Amino acid sequence: MYDHRRVSYLLILVLVILFFISYCRVSTRPGKVWNLRGKVVGLAKSLTGLPYKHGGEEIYGFDCSGFVYYVYDSFGIRLPRTAKKQAKLDGQIKFKRARPADILAFRIKRRWHTAIYIGNDSFIHAPNKRSRVRVEKLNTFWRKRLKHAVRIIDE
């Protein structure tokens, strides 16, 4: 047989422990825990080398806005499908305030082009039909055409 008093004490001890555990608080904001910016950049980098495809928005091929659309959509963030609409989203900021995972909006010959900023003056994009998804530096060509960045993630 077992001692009822001993079982009662153990049960009370477990309940007291559970009570104290339930009042523990996490002091880190969820955005920091999840590191959404880092995940967006990580996914974008993992797609380097995939082919360009006009109108493409899947791993078989991307155009510039399809690439941005696909990366953000993978995290449940719905963006417009065209570069023009992505460039004109609320949240426009100057490039000097850009952080990794922000969208960069360029104007090239009266057309919009979008990319994902990855930090250190670099971005990743699907440039054109003669190329693949790739990382590029903000050289003088791109700096002249950069209009602004768009902040999508508020963390």
N, C-alpha and C. Protein backbone atom coordinates (compact mmCIF):
# COMPACT_ATOMS: atom_id res chain seq x y z
N MET A 1 0.83 -1.19 0.00
CA MET A 1 0.00 0.00 0.00
C MET A 1 0.88 1.25 0.00
N TYR A 2 0.24 2.33 -0.32
CA TYR A 2 1.01 3.57 -0.36
C TYR A 2 0.49 4.54 0.68
N ASP A 3 1.34 5.49 1.02
CA ASP A 3 1.03 6.46 2.07
C ASP A 3 0.26 7.63 1.46
N HIS A 4 -1.00 7.79 1.85
CA HIS A 4 -1.85 8.86 1.31
C HIS A 4 -1.30 10.24 1.63
N ARG A 5 -0.70 10.37 2.80
CA ARG A 5 -0.17 11.66 3.20
C ARG A 5 0.99 12.07 2.29
N ARG A 6 1.82 11.13 1.96
CA ARG A 6 2.98 11.41 1.11
C ARG A 6 2.51 11.81 -0.30
N VAL A 7 1.54 11.12 -0.85
CA VAL A 7 0.98 11.45 -2.15
C VAL A 7 0.36 12.84 -2.12
N SER A 8 -0.34 13.17 -1.05
CA SER A 8 -0.96 14.50 -0.91
C SER A 8 0.10 15.59 -0.91
N TYR A 9 1.20 15.39 -0.19
CA TYR A 9 2.29 16.38 -0.16
C TYR A 9 2.91 16.55 -1.56
N LEU A 10 3.12 15.44 -2.24
CA LEU A 10 3.68 15.52 -3.59
C LEU A 10 2.74 16.26 -4.54
N LEU A 11 1.46 15.99 -4.42
CA LEU A 11 0.48 16.65 -5.25
C LEU A 11 0.45 18.15 -4.97
N ILE A 12 0.51 18.53 -3.73
CA ILE A 12 0.54 19.96 -3.37
C ILE A 12 1.81 20.60 -3.90
N LEU A 13 2.93 19.92 -3.78
CA LEU A 13 4.20 20.45 -4.29
C LEU A 13 4.14 20.68 -5.80
N VAL A 14 3.61 19.73 -6.53
CA VAL A 14 3.47 19.86 -7.98
C VAL A 14 2.56 21.03 -8.32
N LEU A 15 1.46 21.17 -7.62
CA LEU A 15 0.54 22.27 -7.88
C LEU A 15 1.18 23.63 -7.59
N VAL A 16 1.96 23.72 -6.53
CA VAL A 16 2.65 24.97 -6.20
C VAL A 16 3.67 25.30 -7.29
N ILE A 17 4.40 24.32 -7.76
CA ILE A 17 5.38 24.53 -8.84
C ILE A 17 4.66 25.00 -10.10
N LEU A 18 3.59 24.34 -10.46
CA LEU A 18 2.82 24.73 -11.64
C LEU A 18 2.27 26.15 -11.51
N PHE A 19 1.83 26.50 -10.30
CA PHE A 19 1.32 27.84 -10.05
C PHE A 19 2.39 28.89 -10.32
N PHE A 20 3.60 28.67 -9.81
CA PHE A 20 4.69 29.63 -10.01
C PHE A 20 5.15 29.67 -11.47
N ILE A 21 5.18 28.54 -12.12
CA ILE A 21 5.58 28.51 -13.53
C ILE A 21 4.58 29.29 -14.39
N SER A 22 3.30 29.19 -14.05
CA SER A 22 2.29 29.87 -14.85
C SER A 22 2.41 31.39 -14.77
N TYR A 23 3.07 31.91 -13.75
CA TYR A 23 3.24 33.34 -13.62
C TYR A 23 4.57 33.85 -14.15
N CYS A 24 5.36 32.98 -14.71
CA CYS A 24 6.61 33.43 -15.33
C CYS A 24 6.26 34.20 -16.59
N ARG A 25 7.02 35.26 -16.87
CA ARG A 25 6.77 36.07 -18.06
C ARG A 25 8.00 36.10 -18.94
N VAL A 26 7.74 36.17 -20.22
CA VAL A 26 8.83 36.32 -21.18
C VAL A 26 8.99 37.81 -21.42
N SER A 27 10.21 38.30 -21.27
CA SER A 27 10.43 39.74 -21.39
C SER A 27 10.84 40.17 -22.79
N THR A 28 11.01 39.24 -23.70
CA THR A 28 11.42 39.57 -25.07
C THR A 28 10.19 39.73 -25.94
N ARG A 29 10.17 40.77 -26.76
CA ARG A 29 9.05 40.98 -27.67
C ARG A 29 9.00 39.82 -28.67
N PRO A 30 7.81 39.39 -29.07
CA PRO A 30 7.71 38.28 -30.03
C PRO A 30 8.46 38.52 -31.33
N GLY A 31 8.46 39.75 -31.84
CA GLY A 31 9.17 40.04 -33.08
C GLY A 31 10.64 39.70 -32.98
N LYS A 32 11.23 39.93 -31.83
CA LYS A 32 12.64 39.62 -31.63
C LYS A 32 12.85 38.11 -31.52
N VAL A 33 11.93 37.43 -30.88
CA VAL A 33 12.05 35.98 -30.73
C VAL A 33 11.97 35.30 -32.09
N TRP A 34 11.03 35.73 -32.89
CA TRP A 34 10.80 35.08 -34.18
C TRP A 34 11.82 35.49 -35.24
N ASN A 35 12.44 36.67 -35.09
CA ASN A 35 13.43 37.16 -36.04
C ASN A 35 12.92 37.09 -37.47
N LEU A 36 11.78 37.70 -37.70
CA LEU A 36 11.17 37.64 -39.03
C LEU A 36 12.06 38.26 -40.10
N ARG A 37 12.72 39.35 -39.78
CA ARG A 37 13.63 39.96 -40.77
C ARG A 37 14.71 38.98 -41.20
N GLY A 38 15.31 38.32 -40.24
CA GLY A 38 16.36 37.34 -40.56
C GLY A 38 15.84 36.18 -41.39
N LYS A 39 14.62 35.76 -41.11
CA LYS A 39 14.04 34.65 -41.87
C LYS A 39 13.73 35.08 -43.30
N VAL A 40 13.24 36.30 -43.48
CA VAL A 40 12.96 36.80 -44.83
C VAL A 40 14.26 36.85 -45.63
N VAL A 41 15.31 37.42 -45.04
CA VAL A 41 16.60 37.50 -45.72
C VAL A 41 17.15 36.10 -46.00
N GLY A 42 17.03 35.20 -45.03
CA GLY A 42 17.53 33.83 -45.22
C GLY A 42 16.83 33.12 -46.37
N LEU A 43 15.51 33.25 -46.44
CA LEU A 43 14.79 32.62 -47.54
C LEU A 43 15.20 33.24 -48.88
N ALA A 44 15.28 34.56 -48.91
CA ALA A 44 15.67 35.25 -50.15
C ALA A 44 17.04 34.75 -50.62
N LYS A 45 17.98 34.65 -49.71
CA LYS A 45 19.33 34.17 -50.08
C LYS A 45 19.29 32.73 -50.57
N SER A 46 18.43 31.93 -49.99
CA SER A 46 18.37 30.51 -50.38
C SER A 46 17.84 30.33 -51.81
N LEU A 47 17.22 31.35 -52.35
CA LEU A 47 16.64 31.28 -53.70
C LEU A 47 17.61 31.76 -54.78
N THR A 48 18.82 32.17 -54.40
CA THR A 48 19.78 32.63 -55.40
C THR A 48 20.05 31.50 -56.39
N GLY A 49 20.21 31.91 -57.64
CA GLY A 49 20.50 30.94 -58.69
C GLY A 49 19.27 30.44 -59.41
N LEU A 50 18.08 30.68 -58.87
CA LEU A 50 16.87 30.25 -59.58
C LEU A 50 16.66 31.14 -60.80
N PRO A 51 16.01 30.61 -61.84
CA PRO A 51 15.91 31.35 -63.09
C PRO A 51 14.93 32.53 -63.04
N TYR A 52 15.16 33.47 -63.93
CA TYR A 52 14.23 34.56 -64.17
C TYR A 52 13.13 34.03 -65.10
N LYS A 53 11.91 34.43 -64.83
CA LYS A 53 10.80 34.10 -65.71
C LYS A 53 9.81 35.25 -65.66
N HIS A 54 9.55 35.85 -66.80
CA HIS A 54 8.61 36.98 -66.85
C HIS A 54 7.26 36.53 -66.29
N GLY A 55 6.75 37.26 -65.31
CA GLY A 55 5.48 36.92 -64.69
C GLY A 55 5.59 35.80 -63.67
N GLY A 56 6.81 35.30 -63.42
CA GLY A 56 7.00 34.17 -62.51
C GLY A 56 6.93 34.56 -61.05
N GLU A 57 6.30 33.70 -60.28
CA GLU A 57 6.19 33.93 -58.83
C GLU A 57 6.33 32.63 -58.05
N GLU A 58 7.09 31.69 -58.61
CA GLU A 58 7.33 30.42 -57.93
C GLU A 58 8.75 29.95 -58.23
N ILE A 59 9.17 28.87 -57.58
CA ILE A 59 10.57 28.46 -57.68
C ILE A 59 11.00 28.02 -59.07
N TYR A 60 10.06 27.86 -59.99
CA TYR A 60 10.42 27.53 -61.37
C TYR A 60 10.91 28.75 -62.12
N GLY A 61 10.71 29.92 -61.54
CA GLY A 61 11.17 31.16 -62.14
C GLY A 61 10.46 32.36 -61.56
N PHE A 62 11.21 33.46 -61.41
CA PHE A 62 10.67 34.68 -60.82
C PHE A 62 10.95 35.87 -61.72
N ASP A 63 10.05 36.85 -61.71
CA ASP A 63 10.43 38.18 -62.15
C ASP A 63 10.68 38.96 -60.85
N CYS A 64 11.05 40.24 -60.96
CA CYS A 64 11.47 40.96 -59.74
C CYS A 64 10.37 41.01 -58.68
N SER A 65 9.18 41.43 -59.08
CA SER A 65 8.10 41.55 -58.09
C SER A 65 7.58 40.18 -57.66
N GLY A 66 7.64 39.20 -58.55
CA GLY A 66 7.24 37.84 -58.18
C GLY A 66 8.15 37.26 -57.12
N PHE A 67 9.43 37.59 -57.19
CA PHE A 67 10.40 37.16 -56.18
C PHE A 67 10.06 37.76 -54.82
N VAL A 68 9.86 39.08 -54.79
CA VAL A 68 9.51 39.76 -53.53
C VAL A 68 8.19 39.22 -53.00
N TYR A 69 7.22 39.07 -53.87
CA TYR A 69 5.90 38.54 -53.51
C TYR A 69 6.03 37.14 -52.88
N TYR A 70 6.79 36.27 -53.53
CA TYR A 70 6.95 34.89 -53.06
C TYR A 70 7.60 34.84 -51.67
N VAL A 71 8.67 35.60 -51.49
CA VAL A 71 9.38 35.57 -50.20
C VAL A 71 8.46 36.02 -49.08
N TYR A 72 7.81 37.15 -49.24
CA TYR A 72 6.93 37.63 -48.17
C TYR A 72 5.71 36.73 -47.99
N ASP A 73 5.15 36.24 -49.08
CA ASP A 73 3.99 35.35 -49.00
C ASP A 73 4.33 34.07 -48.22
N SER A 74 5.57 33.64 -48.28
CA SER A 74 6.00 32.44 -47.55
C SER A 74 5.87 32.61 -46.05
N PHE A 75 5.80 33.87 -45.59
CA PHE A 75 5.64 34.15 -44.17
C PHE A 75 4.25 34.73 -43.86
N GLY A 76 3.32 34.53 -44.79
CA GLY A 76 1.95 34.97 -44.56
C GLY A 76 1.72 36.46 -44.75
N ILE A 77 2.66 37.15 -45.38
CA ILE A 77 2.52 38.58 -45.62
C ILE A 77 2.15 38.78 -47.09
N ARG A 78 0.93 39.24 -47.32
CA ARG A 78 0.43 39.41 -48.69
C ARG A 78 0.81 40.80 -49.20
N LEU A 79 1.49 40.80 -50.32
CA LEU A 79 1.88 42.05 -50.98
C LEU A 79 1.22 42.10 -52.35
N PRO A 80 1.15 43.30 -52.94
CA PRO A 80 0.68 43.36 -54.32
C PRO A 80 1.64 42.58 -55.22
N ARG A 81 1.19 42.20 -56.36
CA ARG A 81 1.98 41.35 -57.25
C ARG A 81 2.91 42.13 -58.18
N THR A 82 2.64 43.40 -58.44
CA THR A 82 3.46 44.15 -59.39
C THR A 82 4.48 45.03 -58.67
N ALA A 83 5.59 45.28 -59.36
CA ALA A 83 6.64 46.13 -58.78
C ALA A 83 6.12 47.54 -58.52
N LYS A 84 5.31 48.06 -59.41
CA LYS A 84 4.77 49.41 -59.23
C LYS A 84 3.95 49.50 -57.95
N LYS A 85 3.09 48.52 -57.73
CA LYS A 85 2.25 48.55 -56.53
C LYS A 85 3.07 48.28 -55.27
N GLN A 86 4.09 47.41 -55.37
CA GLN A 86 4.98 47.19 -54.22
C GLN A 86 5.73 48.46 -53.88
N ALA A 87 6.20 49.19 -54.89
CA ALA A 87 6.96 50.42 -54.67
C ALA A 87 6.11 51.51 -54.05
N LYS A 88 4.82 51.47 -54.28
CA LYS A 88 3.93 52.53 -53.80
C LYS A 88 3.20 52.17 -52.50
N LEU A 89 3.61 51.08 -51.87
CA LEU A 89 3.00 50.69 -50.59
C LEU A 89 3.27 51.74 -49.51
N ASP A 90 2.39 51.77 -48.52
CA ASP A 90 2.66 52.60 -47.34
C ASP A 90 3.92 52.07 -46.67
N GLY A 91 4.62 52.94 -45.98
CA GLY A 91 5.84 52.52 -45.29
C GLY A 91 7.10 52.94 -46.03
N GLN A 92 6.96 53.87 -46.97
CA GLN A 92 8.13 54.33 -47.72
C GLN A 92 9.07 55.09 -46.79
N ILE A 93 10.35 54.78 -46.90
CA ILE A 93 11.38 55.43 -46.09
C ILE A 93 12.59 55.74 -46.98
N LYS A 94 13.44 56.61 -46.48
CA LYS A 94 14.69 56.89 -47.19
C LYS A 94 15.62 55.69 -47.03
N PHE A 95 16.46 55.47 -48.04
CA PHE A 95 17.35 54.31 -48.00
C PHE A 95 18.25 54.30 -46.76
N LYS A 96 18.68 55.46 -46.30
CA LYS A 96 19.59 55.50 -45.15
C LYS A 96 18.95 54.89 -43.89
N ARG A 97 17.63 54.76 -43.87
CA ARG A 97 16.93 54.13 -42.74
C ARG A 97 16.60 52.66 -43.01
N ALA A 98 16.95 52.15 -44.19
CA ALA A 98 16.59 50.78 -44.57
C ALA A 98 17.28 49.76 -43.68
N ARG A 99 16.54 48.69 -43.41
CA ARG A 99 17.05 47.56 -42.63
C ARG A 99 16.87 46.30 -43.47
N PRO A 100 17.64 45.25 -43.15
CA PRO A 100 17.46 44.00 -43.90
C PRO A 100 15.99 43.57 -43.91
N ALA A 101 15.55 43.09 -45.06
CA ALA A 101 14.19 42.63 -45.35
C ALA A 101 13.28 43.75 -45.85
N ASP A 102 13.73 45.00 -45.82
CA ASP A 102 12.93 46.06 -46.44
C ASP A 102 12.98 45.89 -47.95
N ILE A 103 11.98 46.39 -48.63
CA ILE A 103 11.93 46.33 -50.09
C ILE A 103 12.62 47.57 -50.65
N LEU A 104 13.45 47.40 -51.65
CA LEU A 104 14.04 48.53 -52.36
C LEU A 104 13.25 48.75 -53.65
N ALA A 105 12.94 50.01 -53.95
CA ALA A 105 12.17 50.36 -55.15
C ALA A 105 13.05 51.19 -56.08
N PHE A 106 13.24 50.69 -57.28
CA PHE A 106 14.06 51.36 -58.29
C PHE A 106 13.18 51.78 -59.45
N ARG A 107 13.59 52.85 -60.16
CA ARG A 107 12.95 53.24 -61.42
C ARG A 107 13.97 53.04 -62.53
N ILE A 108 13.63 52.18 -63.49
CA ILE A 108 14.51 51.90 -64.62
C ILE A 108 13.70 52.13 -65.89
N LYS A 109 14.07 53.16 -66.64
CA LYS A 109 13.38 53.48 -67.90
C LYS A 109 11.86 53.49 -67.74
N ARG A 110 11.36 54.29 -66.84
CA ARG A 110 9.93 54.47 -66.59
C ARG A 110 9.23 53.23 -66.04
N ARG A 111 9.98 52.21 -65.65
CA ARG A 111 9.39 51.02 -65.03
C ARG A 111 9.92 50.90 -63.61
N TRP A 112 9.12 50.27 -62.78
CA TRP A 112 9.54 49.99 -61.41
C TRP A 112 10.23 48.64 -61.34
N HIS A 113 11.17 48.52 -60.43
CA HIS A 113 11.88 47.27 -60.17
C HIS A 113 12.00 47.16 -58.65
N THR A 114 11.69 45.99 -58.08
CA THR A 114 11.78 45.82 -56.63
C THR A 114 12.75 44.70 -56.28
N ALA A 115 13.30 44.82 -55.07
CA ALA A 115 14.29 43.87 -54.57
C ALA A 115 14.19 43.83 -53.05
N ILE A 116 14.88 42.88 -52.44
CA ILE A 116 14.90 42.78 -50.98
C ILE A 116 16.29 43.17 -50.48
N TYR A 117 16.31 44.15 -49.60
CA TYR A 117 17.58 44.61 -49.02
C TYR A 117 18.07 43.57 -48.02
N ILE A 118 19.36 43.24 -48.08
CA ILE A 118 19.91 42.23 -47.16
C ILE A 118 20.99 42.81 -46.25
N GLY A 119 21.20 44.12 -46.32
CA GLY A 119 22.18 44.78 -45.47
C GLY A 119 23.51 44.98 -46.18
N ASN A 120 24.37 45.79 -45.57
CA ASN A 120 25.71 46.07 -46.10
C ASN A 120 25.68 46.53 -47.56
N ASP A 121 24.73 47.41 -47.88
CA ASP A 121 24.59 47.94 -49.24
C ASP A 121 24.40 46.85 -50.29
N SER A 122 23.79 45.74 -49.91
CA SER A 122 23.53 44.64 -50.84
C SER A 122 22.03 44.33 -50.87
N PHE A 123 21.60 43.81 -51.99
CA PHE A 123 20.21 43.41 -52.13
C PHE A 123 20.14 42.17 -53.01
N ILE A 124 19.00 41.52 -52.98
CA ILE A 124 18.81 40.31 -53.78
C ILE A 124 17.56 40.51 -54.64
N HIS A 125 17.66 40.09 -55.90
CA HIS A 125 16.55 40.33 -56.83
C HIS A 125 16.64 39.39 -58.03
N ALA A 126 15.58 39.43 -58.82
CA ALA A 126 15.52 38.70 -60.10
C ALA A 126 15.62 39.78 -61.18
N PRO A 127 16.82 40.05 -61.69
CA PRO A 127 17.02 41.24 -62.53
C PRO A 127 16.39 41.23 -63.92
N ASN A 128 16.59 40.18 -64.70
CA ASN A 128 16.08 40.20 -66.07
C ASN A 128 16.19 38.81 -66.69
N LYS A 129 15.67 38.67 -67.90
CA LYS A 129 15.61 37.36 -68.55
C LYS A 129 16.98 36.78 -68.90
N ARG A 130 18.00 37.60 -68.90
CA ARG A 130 19.36 37.11 -69.18
C ARG A 130 20.10 36.70 -67.90
N SER A 131 19.38 36.66 -66.78
CA SER A 131 20.04 36.41 -65.50
C SER A 131 19.22 35.51 -64.61
N ARG A 132 19.72 35.31 -63.42
CA ARG A 132 19.06 34.50 -62.39
C ARG A 132 18.94 35.34 -61.12
N VAL A 133 18.21 34.83 -60.14
CA VAL A 133 18.11 35.51 -58.85
C VAL A 133 19.52 35.63 -58.29
N ARG A 134 19.88 36.85 -57.88
CA ARG A 134 21.25 37.05 -57.41
C ARG A 134 21.36 38.19 -56.41
N VAL A 135 22.48 38.19 -55.71
CA VAL A 135 22.83 39.26 -54.78
C VAL A 135 23.65 40.28 -55.54
N GLU A 136 23.36 41.56 -55.29
CA GLU A 136 24.13 42.64 -55.92
C GLU A 136 24.43 43.72 -54.90
N LYS A 137 25.49 44.46 -55.18
CA LYS A 137 25.84 45.63 -54.38
C LYS A 137 25.11 46.85 -54.96
N LEU A 138 24.86 47.83 -54.10
CA LEU A 138 24.28 49.08 -54.56
C LEU A 138 25.40 49.92 -55.18
N ASN A 139 25.76 49.61 -56.40
CA ASN A 139 26.79 50.36 -57.10
C ASN A 139 26.18 51.65 -57.67
N THR A 140 26.96 52.40 -58.44
CA THR A 140 26.45 53.67 -58.95
C THR A 140 25.24 53.49 -59.87
N PHE A 141 25.20 52.42 -60.66
CA PHE A 141 24.04 52.15 -61.52
C PHE A 141 22.77 52.07 -60.68
N TRP A 142 22.80 51.25 -59.64
CA TRP A 142 21.60 51.03 -58.84
C TRP A 142 21.29 52.23 -57.95
N ARG A 143 22.31 52.88 -57.40
CA ARG A 143 22.07 54.05 -56.54
C ARG A 143 21.35 55.17 -57.30
N LYS A 144 21.71 55.39 -58.55
CA LYS A 144 21.06 56.43 -59.36
C LYS A 144 19.58 56.13 -59.55
N ARG A 145 19.22 54.89 -59.57
CA ARG A 145 17.85 54.49 -59.87
C ARG A 145 17.01 54.17 -58.62
N LEU A 146 17.67 54.12 -57.46
CA LEU A 146 16.97 53.82 -56.21
C LEU A 146 16.10 55.01 -55.82
N LYS A 147 14.81 54.78 -55.65
CA LYS A 147 13.89 55.84 -55.27
C LYS A 147 13.64 55.88 -53.77
N HIS A 148 13.45 54.72 -53.17
CA HIS A 148 13.20 54.63 -51.74
C HIS A 148 13.18 53.18 -51.30
N ALA A 149 13.05 52.99 -50.02
CA ALA A 149 12.83 51.66 -49.46
C ALA A 149 11.41 51.63 -48.92
N VAL A 150 10.89 50.44 -48.74
CA VAL A 150 9.55 50.25 -48.18
C VAL A 150 9.66 49.34 -46.98
N ARG A 151 9.27 49.82 -45.82
CA ARG A 151 9.32 49.04 -44.59
C ARG A 151 8.05 48.21 -44.49
N ILE A 152 8.23 46.89 -44.49
CA ILE A 152 7.09 45.97 -44.39
C ILE A 152 6.98 45.42 -42.97
N ILE A 153 8.10 45.12 -42.34
CA ILE A 153 8.12 44.51 -41.01
C ILE A 153 8.46 45.59 -39.98
N ASP A 154 7.56 45.77 -39.02
CA ASP A 154 7.74 46.80 -37.98
C ASP A 154 8.36 46.21 -36.72
N GLU A 155 9.60 45.81 -36.79
CA GLU A 155 10.25 45.34 -35.56
C GLU A 155 11.58 45.98 -35.43
